[in-house]
Amino acid sequence: MARLKRQICQVVLDYFDKTYTNELGDQWKTVKEVLTTPGLWQYAVLLNNLHCSSETKKQLLLRGYQRLTHHTFPESLDCYISRNPGKFPSQRHQTGRIKGYYILNASSLLPVLAMDVQPGERVLDMCAAPGGKSITMLQCASPGHLHCNEPDSHRSRWLKETLESFVPAPRMNTICTSELDGRLIGRLHANSYDKVLVDAPCSNDRSWLFSSDALQAAKRISERKILPAVQAELLRSAIHALRPGGSVVYSTCTLSEAENSAVVSNILNSCREVIPVDLRDMANTLSHEFTFAAHVTHGLLVLPHKGKSWGPMFVSKLIKL
């Protein structure tokens, strides 16, 4: 409930108004209403198919949740959403106890779905904390090796706690964690992975709107200018880490064109060994649950709307030749 009491930072809101009115036009008005009103936010519940009780499903159905299903979803991906705002109670971390479900923004499923992880593949989650997308990958398939990397020590501890909470000990044998600078992984592990996810550090629009004070807000806006260069370095490193024929998914949770399409365009203009994958079919098939921005270059952009308050989430996919 603490989130509902936080105050919107006017400095950030003014900056977003100027930036996103220019980039999104009239769509920004509806997106702004959702982002600035936490009472409208929806949360999905991803069941842990490695350890889940029928009682949890029963409680979800009683509360009006419905399973998110589509032919593009693996049968093993058991995710429930409610049309109404609000959050299903979270489970506390307890050492030695496996949790039955994970609370997330449903748009977080899309980068993992775009990856299309197959059994036995070597997979890298380059910026993995807090671990939700790593957990989702494990719900979709059984990779031969999953490398979860997070350079920040505090967030790395959070990542390890998430994995311990959702993955039974025998399955942990196929998972490793590290605290490497993602920009170095391409050199350290060249041509090593079938699939890589770069869920890049970004100017998280939801959290930034509730910056604690004007000083923090000004610092974040200043940092926003250098983020695209860092994001491009991470994506370039991911490409080096891929084996030929492998694919990388780049994602963020910001609406910023500079951090989304422009980063991918930068890579495509400077790196001839990758080509973009057209994800419009994914947008078409999932448009009943998600609102997608029109005319986005090199990817998809989920826009929060009333009743579909998922996102922001940008997703792009590249294949290494």
C-alpha atoms as a PDB file:
ATOM      1  CA  MET A   1       0.000   0.000   0.000  1.00  0.00           C
ATOM      2  CA  ALA A   2       2.982   2.327   0.467  1.00  0.00           C
ATOM      3  CA  ARG A   3       3.225   2.738  -3.287  1.00  0.00           C
ATOM      4  CA  LEU A   4      -0.232   4.288  -3.426  1.00  0.00           C
ATOM      5  CA  LYS A   5       0.823   7.018  -0.976  1.00  0.00           C
ATOM      6  CA  ARG A   6       3.897   8.180  -2.873  1.00  0.00           C
ATOM      7  CA  GLN A   7       3.777  11.587  -4.476  1.00  0.00           C
ATOM      8  CA  ILE A   8       4.355  12.249  -8.158  1.00  0.00           C
ATOM      9  CA  CYS A   9       7.545  14.198  -8.824  1.00  0.00           C
ATOM     10  CA  GLN A  10       6.536  17.285 -10.809  1.00  0.00           C
ATOM     11  CA  VAL A  11      10.030  17.727 -12.256  1.00  0.00           C
ATOM     12  CA  VAL A  12       9.892  14.286 -13.866  1.00  0.00           C
ATOM     13  CA  LEU A  13       6.276  14.680 -14.954  1.00  0.00           C
ATOM     14  CA  ASP A  14       7.059  17.989 -16.689  1.00  0.00           C
ATOM     15  CA  TYR A  15       9.993  16.344 -18.443  1.00  0.00           C
ATOM     16  CA  PHE A  16       7.850  13.389 -19.526  1.00  0.00           C
ATOM     17  CA  ASP A  17       5.077  15.715 -20.727  1.00  0.00           C
ATOM     18  CA  LYS A  18       7.497  17.506 -23.017  1.00  0.00           C
ATOM     19  CA  THR A  19       9.304  14.394 -24.240  1.00  0.00           C
ATOM     20  CA  TYR A  20       6.405  11.998 -24.695  1.00  0.00           C
ATOM     21  CA  THR A  21       3.948  14.488 -26.147  1.00  0.00           C
ATOM     22  CA  ASN A  22       6.510  14.906 -28.909  1.00  0.00           C
ATOM     23  CA  GLU A  23       7.135  11.146 -29.308  1.00  0.00           C
ATOM     24  CA  LEU A  24       3.654   9.675 -28.702  1.00  0.00           C
ATOM     25  CA  GLY A  25       1.320  12.554 -29.551  1.00  0.00           C
ATOM     26  CA  ASP A  26      -2.233  12.115 -28.270  1.00  0.00           C
ATOM     27  CA  GLN A  27      -1.453   8.624 -26.981  1.00  0.00           C
ATOM     28  CA  TRP A  28       0.595  10.175 -24.160  1.00  0.00           C
ATOM     29  CA  LYS A  29      -2.577  11.537 -22.517  1.00  0.00           C
ATOM     30  CA  THR A  30      -4.031   8.083 -21.858  1.00  0.00           C
ATOM     31  CA  VAL A  31      -0.657   6.592 -20.958  1.00  0.00           C
ATOM     32  CA  LYS A  32       0.011   9.451 -18.531  1.00  0.00           C
ATOM     33  CA  GLU A  33      -3.293   8.854 -16.735  1.00  0.00           C
ATOM     34  CA  VAL A  34      -2.351   5.251 -15.990  1.00  0.00           C
ATOM     35  CA  LEU A  35       1.286   5.887 -15.077  1.00  0.00           C
ATOM     36  CA  THR A  36       0.364   8.649 -12.630  1.00  0.00           C
ATOM     37  CA  THR A  37      -2.455   6.672 -10.985  1.00  0.00           C
ATOM     38  CA  PRO A  38      -1.129   3.576  -9.170  1.00  0.00           C
ATOM     39  CA  GLY A  39      -4.708   2.715  -8.240  1.00  0.00           C
ATOM     40  CA  LEU A  40      -5.227   1.736 -11.902  1.00  0.00           C
ATOM     41  CA  TRP A  41      -2.230  -0.603 -12.042  1.00  0.00           C
ATOM     42  CA  GLN A  42      -2.792  -4.312 -12.669  1.00  0.00           C
ATOM     43  CA  TYR A  43      -0.516  -7.198 -11.710  1.00  0.00           C
ATOM     44  CA  ALA A  44      -0.232 -10.682 -13.142  1.00  0.00           C
ATOM     45  CA  VAL A  45       0.436 -13.886 -11.222  1.00  0.00           C
ATOM     46  CA  LEU A  46       2.875 -16.348 -12.789  1.00  0.00           C
ATOM     47  CA  LEU A  47       2.467 -19.783 -11.230  1.00  0.00           C
ATOM     48  CA  ASN A  48       5.603 -21.776 -10.542  1.00  0.00           C
ATOM     49  CA  ASN A  49       5.155 -24.984 -12.518  1.00  0.00           C
ATOM     50  CA  LEU A  50       8.080 -26.425 -10.568  1.00  0.00           C
ATOM     51  CA  HIS A  51       6.141 -26.094  -7.309  1.00  0.00           C
ATOM     52  CA  CYS A  52       2.535 -24.893  -7.186  1.00  0.00           C
ATOM     53  CA  SER A  53      -0.548 -25.988  -5.291  1.00  0.00           C
ATOM     54  CA  SER A  54      -4.064 -26.295  -6.691  1.00  0.00           C
ATOM     55  CA  GLU A  55      -5.193 -24.063  -3.815  1.00  0.00           C
ATOM     56  CA  THR A  56      -3.425 -21.076  -5.400  1.00  0.00           C
ATOM     57  CA  LYS A  57      -5.294 -21.575  -8.674  1.00  0.00           C
ATOM     58  CA  LYS A  58      -8.536 -21.879  -6.758  1.00  0.00           C
ATOM     59  CA  GLN A  59      -7.916 -18.601  -4.923  1.00  0.00           C
ATOM     60  CA  LEU A  60      -7.060 -16.811  -8.156  1.00  0.00           C
ATOM     61  CA  LEU A  61     -10.251 -17.972  -9.842  1.00  0.00           C
ATOM     62  CA  LEU A  62     -12.307 -16.957  -6.807  1.00  0.00           C
ATOM     63  CA  ARG A  63     -10.811 -13.469  -7.037  1.00  0.00           C
ATOM     64  CA  GLY A  64     -11.772 -13.156 -10.711  1.00  0.00           C
ATOM     65  CA  TYR A  65      -8.422 -13.945 -12.302  1.00  0.00           C
ATOM     66  CA  GLN A  66      -8.306 -15.647 -15.681  1.00  0.00           C
ATOM     67  CA  ARG A  67      -5.510 -17.587 -17.301  1.00  0.00           C
ATOM     68  CA  LEU A  68      -3.637 -15.674 -19.975  1.00  0.00           C
ATOM     69  CA  THR A  69      -3.678 -18.075 -22.905  1.00  0.00           C
ATOM     70  CA  HIS A  70      -2.776 -17.940 -26.559  1.00  0.00           C
ATOM     71  CA  HIS A  71      -1.295 -20.336 -29.092  1.00  0.00           C
ATOM     72  CA  THR A  72       1.979 -18.356 -28.893  1.00  0.00           C
ATOM     73  CA  PHE A  73       2.275 -19.214 -25.180  1.00  0.00           C
ATOM     74  CA  PRO A  74       3.929 -22.480 -24.139  1.00  0.00           C
ATOM     75  CA  GLU A  75       1.455 -24.745 -22.374  1.00  0.00           C
ATOM     76  CA  SER A  76       3.768 -24.748 -19.368  1.00  0.00           C
ATOM     77  CA  LEU A  77       3.447 -20.966 -18.937  1.00  0.00           C
ATOM     78  CA  ASP A  78       0.676 -20.648 -16.371  1.00  0.00           C
ATOM     79  CA  CYS A  79      -0.034 -16.927 -15.898  1.00  0.00           C
ATOM     80  CA  TYR A  80      -3.199 -15.326 -14.523  1.00  0.00           C
ATOM     81  CA  ILE A  81      -4.471 -11.764 -14.882  1.00  0.00           C
ATOM     82  CA  SER A  82      -7.413  -9.810 -13.518  1.00  0.00           C
ATOM     83  CA  ARG A  83      -9.305  -7.096 -15.368  1.00  0.00           C
ATOM     84  CA  ASN A  84      -9.447  -5.177 -12.100  1.00  0.00           C
ATOM     85  CA  PRO A  85      -6.552  -3.161 -10.629  1.00  0.00           C
ATOM     86  CA  GLY A  86      -4.833  -4.487  -7.540  1.00  0.00           C
ATOM     87  CA  LYS A  87      -2.223  -7.026  -6.510  1.00  0.00           C
ATOM     88  CA  PHE A  88      -2.549 -10.626  -5.352  1.00  0.00           C
ATOM     89  CA  PRO A  89      -0.756 -11.077  -1.981  1.00  0.00           C
ATOM     90  CA  SER A  90       2.988 -11.635  -2.352  1.00  0.00           C
ATOM     91  CA  GLN A  91       4.806 -14.525  -0.721  1.00  0.00           C
ATOM     92  CA  ARG A  92       7.661 -13.760   1.649  1.00  0.00           C
ATOM     93  CA  HIS A  93      11.065 -15.272   1.038  1.00  0.00           C
ATOM     94  CA  GLN A  94      11.848 -18.120   3.430  1.00  0.00           C
ATOM     95  CA  THR A  95      15.139 -19.983   3.219  1.00  0.00           C
ATOM     96  CA  GLY A  96      14.611 -23.534   2.015  1.00  0.00           C
ATOM     97  CA  ARG A  97      11.016 -22.945   0.929  1.00  0.00           C
ATOM     98  CA  ILE A  98       9.948 -22.810  -2.727  1.00  0.00           C
ATOM     99  CA  LYS A  99       7.364 -20.180  -3.653  1.00  0.00           C
ATOM    100  CA  GLY A 100       4.300 -21.103  -5.660  1.00  0.00           C
ATOM    101  CA  TYR A 101       3.962 -17.944  -7.747  1.00  0.00           C
ATOM    102  CA  TYR A 102       5.591 -14.683  -8.861  1.00  0.00           C
ATOM    103  CA  ILE A 103       3.887 -11.272  -9.098  1.00  0.00           C
ATOM    104  CA  LEU A 104       4.788  -9.321 -12.236  1.00  0.00           C
ATOM    105  CA  ASN A 105       3.703  -6.865 -14.898  1.00  0.00           C
ATOM    106  CA  ALA A 106       2.275  -9.073 -17.654  1.00  0.00           C
ATOM    107  CA  SER A 107       4.248  -7.196 -20.316  1.00  0.00           C
ATOM    108  CA  SER A 108       7.396  -8.720 -18.758  1.00  0.00           C
ATOM    109  CA  LEU A 109       6.382 -11.998 -20.408  1.00  0.00           C
ATOM    110  CA  LEU A 110       6.857 -10.588 -23.906  1.00  0.00           C
ATOM    111  CA  PRO A 111      10.677 -10.433 -24.034  1.00  0.00           C
ATOM    112  CA  VAL A 112      10.806 -14.058 -22.880  1.00  0.00           C
ATOM    113  CA  LEU A 113       8.182 -15.128 -25.412  1.00  0.00           C
ATOM    114  CA  ALA A 114      10.174 -13.352 -28.124  1.00  0.00           C
ATOM    115  CA  MET A 115      13.284 -15.314 -27.079  1.00  0.00           C
ATOM    116  CA  ASP A 116      11.538 -18.629 -27.758  1.00  0.00           C
ATOM    117  CA  VAL A 117      13.918 -20.594 -25.519  1.00  0.00           C
ATOM    118  CA  GLN A 118      14.141 -24.276 -26.464  1.00  0.00           C
ATOM    119  CA  PRO A 119      15.092 -27.244 -24.260  1.00  0.00           C
ATOM    120  CA  GLY A 120      18.838 -27.781 -23.981  1.00  0.00           C
ATOM    121  CA  GLU A 121      19.884 -24.333 -25.213  1.00  0.00           C
ATOM    122  CA  ARG A 122      22.600 -22.211 -23.606  1.00  0.00           C
ATOM    123  CA  VAL A 123      20.956 -18.977 -22.460  1.00  0.00           C
ATOM    124  CA  LEU A 124      22.280 -15.733 -20.966  1.00  0.00           C
ATOM    125  CA  ASP A 125      20.165 -13.248 -19.017  1.00  0.00           C
ATOM    126  CA  MET A 126      22.666 -10.382 -19.059  1.00  0.00           C
ATOM    127  CA  CYS A 127      20.930  -7.926 -16.679  1.00  0.00           C
ATOM    128  CA  ALA A 128      18.906 -10.440 -14.713  1.00  0.00           C
ATOM    129  CA  ALA A 129      17.887  -8.855 -11.384  1.00  0.00           C
ATOM    130  CA  PRO A 130      15.414  -9.080  -9.788  1.00  0.00           C
ATOM    131  CA  GLY A 131      14.979 -12.393 -11.641  1.00  0.00           C
ATOM    132  CA  GLY A 132      11.423 -12.375 -12.975  1.00  0.00           C
ATOM    133  CA  LYS A 133      12.402 -12.961 -16.601  1.00  0.00           C
ATOM    134  CA  SER A 134      14.854 -15.718 -15.631  1.00  0.00           C
ATOM    135  CA  ILE A 135      12.030 -17.409 -13.720  1.00  0.00           C
ATOM    136  CA  THR A 136       9.720 -17.000 -16.719  1.00  0.00           C
ATOM    137  CA  MET A 137      12.295 -18.628 -19.011  1.00  0.00           C
ATOM    138  CA  LEU A 138      12.382 -21.646 -16.716  1.00  0.00           C
ATOM    139  CA  GLN A 139       8.592 -21.872 -16.903  1.00  0.00           C
ATOM    140  CA  CYS A 140       8.754 -21.930 -20.720  1.00  0.00           C
ATOM    141  CA  ALA A 141      11.514 -24.485 -21.261  1.00  0.00           C
ATOM    142  CA  SER A 142      14.409 -26.380 -19.686  1.00  0.00           C
ATOM    143  CA  PRO A 143      17.568 -24.726 -21.005  1.00  0.00           C
ATOM    144  CA  GLY A 144      20.714 -26.805 -20.888  1.00  0.00           C
ATOM    145  CA  HIS A 145      22.458 -23.913 -19.170  1.00  0.00           C
ATOM    146  CA  LEU A 146      21.074 -20.610 -17.861  1.00  0.00           C
ATOM    147  CA  HIS A 147      23.584 -17.892 -16.971  1.00  0.00           C
ATOM    148  CA  CYS A 148      22.011 -15.144 -14.858  1.00  0.00           C
ATOM    149  CA  ASN A 149      24.233 -12.072 -14.607  1.00  0.00           C
ATOM    150  CA  GLU A 150      23.780  -8.946 -12.491  1.00  0.00           C
ATOM    151  CA  PRO A 151      26.696  -6.542 -11.909  1.00  0.00           C
ATOM    152  CA  ASP A 152      25.211  -4.634  -8.971  1.00  0.00           C
ATOM    153  CA  SER A 153      25.995  -6.491  -5.732  1.00  0.00           C
ATOM    154  CA  HIS A 154      22.745  -5.537  -3.972  1.00  0.00           C
ATOM    155  CA  ARG A 155      20.609  -6.498  -6.947  1.00  0.00           C
ATOM    156  CA  SER A 156      22.674  -9.666  -7.403  1.00  0.00           C
ATOM    157  CA  ARG A 157      21.709 -10.782  -3.892  1.00  0.00           C
ATOM    158  CA  TRP A 158      18.078 -10.071  -4.808  1.00  0.00           C
ATOM    159  CA  LEU A 159      18.480 -12.180  -7.962  1.00  0.00           C
ATOM    160  CA  LYS A 160      19.974 -15.119  -6.039  1.00  0.00           C
ATOM    161  CA  GLU A 161      17.161 -14.936  -3.490  1.00  0.00           C
ATOM    162  CA  THR A 162      14.587 -15.032  -6.298  1.00  0.00           C
ATOM    163  CA  LEU A 163      16.205 -18.085  -7.885  1.00  0.00           C
ATOM    164  CA  GLU A 164      16.418 -19.869  -4.516  1.00  0.00           C
ATOM    165  CA  SER A 165      12.742 -19.077  -3.925  1.00  0.00           C
ATOM    166  CA  PHE A 166      11.525 -20.531  -7.220  1.00  0.00           C
ATOM    167  CA  VAL A 167      13.940 -23.211  -8.380  1.00  0.00           C
ATOM    168  CA  PRO A 168      14.208 -26.578  -6.571  1.00  0.00           C
ATOM    169  CA  ALA A 169      17.777 -27.561  -5.702  1.00  0.00           C
ATOM    170  CA  PRO A 170      18.153 -30.275  -8.409  1.00  0.00           C
ATOM    171  CA  ARG A 171      17.311 -27.730 -11.148  1.00  0.00           C
ATOM    172  CA  MET A 172      19.887 -25.251  -9.835  1.00  0.00           C
ATOM    173  CA  ASN A 173      22.611 -27.476 -11.323  1.00  0.00           C
ATOM    174  CA  THR A 174      21.894 -25.992 -14.759  1.00  0.00           C
ATOM    175  CA  ILE A 175      21.954 -22.375 -13.519  1.00  0.00           C
ATOM    176  CA  CYS A 176      24.913 -20.143 -12.712  1.00  0.00           C
ATOM    177  CA  THR A 177      25.055 -16.540 -11.501  1.00  0.00           C
ATOM    178  CA  SER A 178      27.719 -13.861 -11.901  1.00  0.00           C
ATOM    179  CA  GLU A 179      28.334 -10.186 -11.163  1.00  0.00           C
ATOM    180  CA  LEU A 180      30.124  -9.231 -14.373  1.00  0.00           C
ATOM    181  CA  ASP A 181      29.880  -5.941 -16.220  1.00  0.00           C
ATOM    182  CA  GLY A 182      27.633  -7.000 -19.086  1.00  0.00           C
ATOM    183  CA  ARG A 183      29.735  -4.952 -21.501  1.00  0.00           C
ATOM    184  CA  LEU A 184      32.612  -7.398 -20.933  1.00  0.00           C
ATOM    185  CA  ILE A 185      30.678 -10.641 -21.335  1.00  0.00           C
ATOM    186  CA  GLY A 186      30.916 -10.614 -25.121  1.00  0.00           C
ATOM    187  CA  ARG A 187      34.683 -10.714 -24.897  1.00  0.00           C
ATOM    188  CA  LEU A 188      34.818 -13.169 -21.987  1.00  0.00           C
ATOM    189  CA  HIS A 189      32.224 -15.574 -23.449  1.00  0.00           C
ATOM    190  CA  ALA A 190      32.390 -15.027 -27.200  1.00  0.00           C
ATOM    191  CA  ASN A 191      30.139 -17.220 -29.389  1.00  0.00           C
ATOM    192  CA  SER A 192      28.904 -19.103 -26.314  1.00  0.00           C
ATOM    193  CA  TYR A 193      25.108 -18.741 -26.189  1.00  0.00           C
ATOM    194  CA  ASP A 194      22.119 -19.732 -28.289  1.00  0.00           C
ATOM    195  CA  LYS A 195      19.910 -16.997 -26.820  1.00  0.00           C
ATOM    196  CA  VAL A 196      20.679 -13.787 -24.912  1.00  0.00           C
ATOM    197  CA  LEU A 197      18.296 -11.414 -23.148  1.00  0.00           C
ATOM    198  CA  VAL A 198      19.407  -7.818 -22.582  1.00  0.00           C
ATOM    199  CA  ASP A 199      16.737  -6.376 -20.312  1.00  0.00           C
ATOM    200  CA  ALA A 200      18.745  -3.201 -20.143  1.00  0.00           C
ATOM    201  CA  PRO A 201      19.061  -0.702 -17.297  1.00  0.00           C
ATOM    202  CA  CYS A 202      16.778   2.130 -18.356  1.00  0.00           C
ATOM    203  CA  SER A 203      14.873   5.186 -17.175  1.00  0.00           C
ATOM    204  CA  ASN A 204      12.055   3.139 -15.651  1.00  0.00           C
ATOM    205  CA  ASP A 205       9.112   5.463 -16.255  1.00  0.00           C
ATOM    206  CA  ARG A 206       6.880   4.102 -13.499  1.00  0.00           C
ATOM    207  CA  SER A 207       9.438   4.432 -10.710  1.00  0.00           C
ATOM    208  CA  TRP A 208      10.978   7.664 -11.985  1.00  0.00           C
ATOM    209  CA  LEU A 209       7.615   9.427 -11.804  1.00  0.00           C
ATOM    210  CA  PHE A 210       7.702   8.850  -8.062  1.00  0.00           C
ATOM    211  CA  SER A 211      11.277  10.089  -7.458  1.00  0.00           C
ATOM    212  CA  SER A 212      11.647  11.046  -3.816  1.00  0.00           C
ATOM    213  CA  ASP A 213      12.671  14.664  -4.419  1.00  0.00           C
ATOM    214  CA  ALA A 214      13.554  17.220  -7.086  1.00  0.00           C
ATOM    215  CA  LEU A 215      17.303  16.646  -6.588  1.00  0.00           C
ATOM    216  CA  GLN A 216      16.989  12.917  -7.267  1.00  0.00           C
ATOM    217  CA  ALA A 217      14.738  13.679 -10.232  1.00  0.00           C
ATOM    218  CA  ALA A 218      17.264  16.093 -11.755  1.00  0.00           C
ATOM    219  CA  LYS A 219      20.005  13.502 -11.323  1.00  0.00           C
ATOM    220  CA  ARG A 220      17.911  10.841 -13.055  1.00  0.00           C
ATOM    221  CA  ILE A 221      17.057  13.134 -15.967  1.00  0.00           C
ATOM    222  CA  SER A 222      20.753  13.913 -16.349  1.00  0.00           C
ATOM    223  CA  GLU A 223      21.598  10.175 -16.295  1.00  0.00           C
ATOM    224  CA  ARG A 224      19.057   9.605 -19.054  1.00  0.00           C
ATOM    225  CA  LYS A 225      21.392  11.303 -21.516  1.00  0.00           C
ATOM    226  CA  ILE A 226      24.117   8.673 -21.068  1.00  0.00           C
ATOM    227  CA  LEU A 227      21.915   5.571 -20.866  1.00  0.00           C
ATOM    228  CA  PRO A 228      21.600   4.956 -24.654  1.00  0.00           C
ATOM    229  CA  ALA A 229      25.387   4.650 -24.989  1.00  0.00           C
ATOM    230  CA  VAL A 230      25.517   2.097 -22.156  1.00  0.00           C
ATOM    231  CA  GLN A 231      22.564   0.197 -23.589  1.00  0.00           C
ATOM    232  CA  ALA A 232      24.200   0.016 -27.022  1.00  0.00           C
ATOM    233  CA  GLU A 233      27.407  -1.327 -25.442  1.00  0.00           C
ATOM    234  CA  LEU A 234      25.422  -4.032 -23.633  1.00  0.00           C
ATOM    235  CA  LEU A 235      23.597  -5.019 -26.807  1.00  0.00           C
ATOM    236  CA  ARG A 236      26.844  -5.108 -28.789  1.00  0.00           C
ATOM    237  CA  SER A 237      28.394  -7.309 -26.094  1.00  0.00           C
ATOM    238  CA  ALA A 238      25.389  -9.640 -26.258  1.00  0.00           C
ATOM    239  CA  ILE A 239      25.870 -10.049 -30.008  1.00  0.00           C
ATOM    240  CA  HIS A 240      29.515 -11.025 -29.479  1.00  0.00           C
ATOM    241  CA  ALA A 241      28.384 -13.570 -26.858  1.00  0.00           C
ATOM    242  CA  LEU A 242      25.994 -15.214 -29.346  1.00  0.00           C
ATOM    243  CA  ARG A 243      26.933 -18.144 -31.510  1.00  0.00           C
ATOM    244  CA  PRO A 244      26.219 -17.649 -35.252  1.00  0.00           C
ATOM    245  CA  GLY A 245      22.515 -18.278 -35.827  1.00  0.00           C
ATOM    246  CA  GLY A 246      21.656 -17.332 -32.257  1.00  0.00           C
ATOM    247  CA  SER A 247      19.340 -14.495 -31.295  1.00  0.00           C
ATOM    248  CA  VAL A 248      19.287 -11.636 -28.804  1.00  0.00           C
ATOM    249  CA  VAL A 249      16.219  -9.900 -27.370  1.00  0.00           C
ATOM    250  CA  TYR A 250      16.653  -6.308 -26.214  1.00  0.00           C
ATOM    251  CA  SER A 251      14.037  -4.873 -23.854  1.00  0.00           C
ATOM    252  CA  THR A 252      13.409  -1.895 -21.577  1.00  0.00           C
ATOM    253  CA  CYS A 253      10.568  -0.641 -19.388  1.00  0.00           C
ATOM    254  CA  THR A 254      10.629   2.909 -20.710  1.00  0.00           C
ATOM    255  CA  LEU A 255       8.742   4.741 -23.445  1.00  0.00           C
ATOM    256  CA  SER A 256      11.904   6.615 -24.462  1.00  0.00           C
ATOM    257  CA  GLU A 257      12.610   6.389 -28.171  1.00  0.00           C
ATOM    258  CA  ALA A 258      16.280   7.223 -27.497  1.00  0.00           C
ATOM    259  CA  GLU A 259      16.599   4.137 -25.282  1.00  0.00           C
ATOM    260  CA  ASN A 260      14.502   1.876 -27.483  1.00  0.00           C
ATOM    261  CA  SER A 261      14.397   2.079 -31.282  1.00  0.00           C
ATOM    262  CA  ALA A 262      17.361   4.447 -31.498  1.00  0.00           C
ATOM    263  CA  VAL A 263      19.610   1.988 -29.625  1.00  0.00           C
ATOM    264  CA  VAL A 264      18.653  -0.843 -31.971  1.00  0.00           C
ATOM    265  CA  SER A 265      19.102   1.397 -35.022  1.00  0.00           C
ATOM    266  CA  ASN A 266      22.560   2.326 -33.757  1.00  0.00           C
ATOM    267  CA  ILE A 267      23.509  -1.358 -33.580  1.00  0.00           C
ATOM    268  CA  LEU A 268      22.032  -2.225 -36.982  1.00  0.00           C
ATOM    269  CA  ASN A 269      23.883   0.695 -38.577  1.00  0.00           C
ATOM    270  CA  SER A 270      27.212  -0.304 -37.059  1.00  0.00           C
ATOM    271  CA  CYS A 271      27.013  -4.094 -36.923  1.00  0.00           C
ATOM    272  CA  ARG A 272      26.484  -6.019 -40.162  1.00  0.00           C
ATOM    273  CA  GLU A 273      26.381  -9.453 -38.520  1.00  0.00           C
ATOM    274  CA  VAL A 274      22.803  -9.081 -37.198  1.00  0.00           C
ATOM    275  CA  ILE A 275      19.399  -8.598 -38.777  1.00  0.00           C
ATOM    276  CA  PRO A 276      16.116  -7.556 -37.096  1.00  0.00           C
ATOM    277  CA  VAL A 277      13.183  -9.908 -36.589  1.00  0.00           C
ATOM    278  CA  ASP A 278       9.707  -8.619 -37.439  1.00  0.00           C
ATOM    279  CA  LEU A 279       7.590  -8.969 -34.271  1.00  0.00           C
ATOM    280  CA  ARG A 280       4.367  -7.546 -35.690  1.00  0.00           C
ATOM    281  CA  ASP A 281       2.704 -10.965 -35.703  1.00  0.00           C
ATOM    282  CA  MET A 282       3.241 -11.130 -31.939  1.00  0.00           C
ATOM    283  CA  ALA A 283       1.601  -7.728 -31.546  1.00  0.00           C
ATOM    284  CA  ASN A 284      -1.345  -8.743 -33.717  1.00  0.00           C
ATOM    285  CA  THR A 285      -1.980 -11.983 -31.852  1.00  0.00           C
ATOM    286  CA  LEU A 286      -1.695 -10.379 -28.395  1.00  0.00           C
ATOM    287  CA  SER A 287      -3.550  -7.124 -29.106  1.00  0.00           C
ATOM    288  CA  HIS A 288      -6.566  -8.348 -27.111  1.00  0.00           C
ATOM    289  CA  GLU A 289      -4.487  -8.197 -23.909  1.00  0.00           C
ATOM    290  CA  PHE A 290      -1.894  -5.503 -24.636  1.00  0.00           C
ATOM    291  CA  THR A 291      -1.992  -2.059 -26.248  1.00  0.00           C
ATOM    292  CA  PHE A 292       0.859  -1.547 -28.704  1.00  0.00           C
ATOM    293  CA  ALA A 293       2.127   1.773 -30.019  1.00  0.00           C
ATOM    294  CA  ALA A 294       1.847   2.286 -33.753  1.00  0.00           C
ATOM    295  CA  HIS A 295       4.804   2.764 -36.085  1.00  0.00           C
ATOM    296  CA  VAL A 296       7.600   1.647 -33.757  1.00  0.00           C
ATOM    297  CA  THR A 297      10.880   0.994 -35.545  1.00  0.00           C
ATOM    298  CA  HIS A 298      12.648  -2.340 -34.987  1.00  0.00           C
ATOM    299  CA  GLY A 299      10.357  -3.632 -32.241  1.00  0.00           C
ATOM    300  CA  LEU A 300       7.179  -3.465 -30.173  1.00  0.00           C
ATOM    301  CA  LEU A 301       6.212  -0.939 -27.504  1.00  0.00           C
ATOM    302  CA  VAL A 302       3.507  -1.813 -24.948  1.00  0.00           C
ATOM    303  CA  LEU A 303       1.560   1.253 -23.792  1.00  0.00           C
ATOM    304  CA  PRO A 304      -0.310   1.258 -20.457  1.00  0.00           C
ATOM    305  CA  HIS A 305      -4.059   1.848 -20.859  1.00  0.00           C
ATOM    306  CA  LYS A 306      -7.038   1.530 -18.523  1.00  0.00           C
ATOM    307  CA  GLY A 307      -7.971  -2.117 -18.191  1.00  0.00           C
ATOM    308  CA  LYS A 308      -4.700  -3.033 -19.921  1.00  0.00           C
ATOM    309  CA  SER A 309      -2.293  -1.194 -17.669  1.00  0.00           C
ATOM    310  CA  TRP A 310       0.687  -3.357 -18.686  1.00  0.00           C
ATOM    311  CA  GLY A 311       3.951  -1.721 -19.652  1.00  0.00           C
ATOM    312  CA  PRO A 312       5.760   0.339 -20.681  1.00  0.00           C
ATOM    313  CA  MET A 313       7.751  -2.446 -22.327  1.00  0.00           C
ATOM    314  CA  PHE A 314       9.873  -2.232 -25.460  1.00  0.00           C
ATOM    315  CA  VAL A 315      10.907  -5.503 -27.143  1.00  0.00           C
ATOM    316  CA  SER A 316      13.229  -5.994 -30.092  1.00  0.00           C
ATOM    317  CA  LYS A 317      14.864  -9.142 -31.490  1.00  0.00           C
ATOM    318  CA  LEU A 318      17.989  -9.585 -33.599  1.00  0.00           C
ATOM    319  CA  ILE A 319      19.484 -12.695 -35.205  1.00  0.00           C
ATOM    320  CA  LYS A 320      23.238 -13.162 -35.609  1.00  0.00           C
ATOM    321  CA  LEU A 321      24.205 -14.226 -39.115  1.00  0.00           C
END
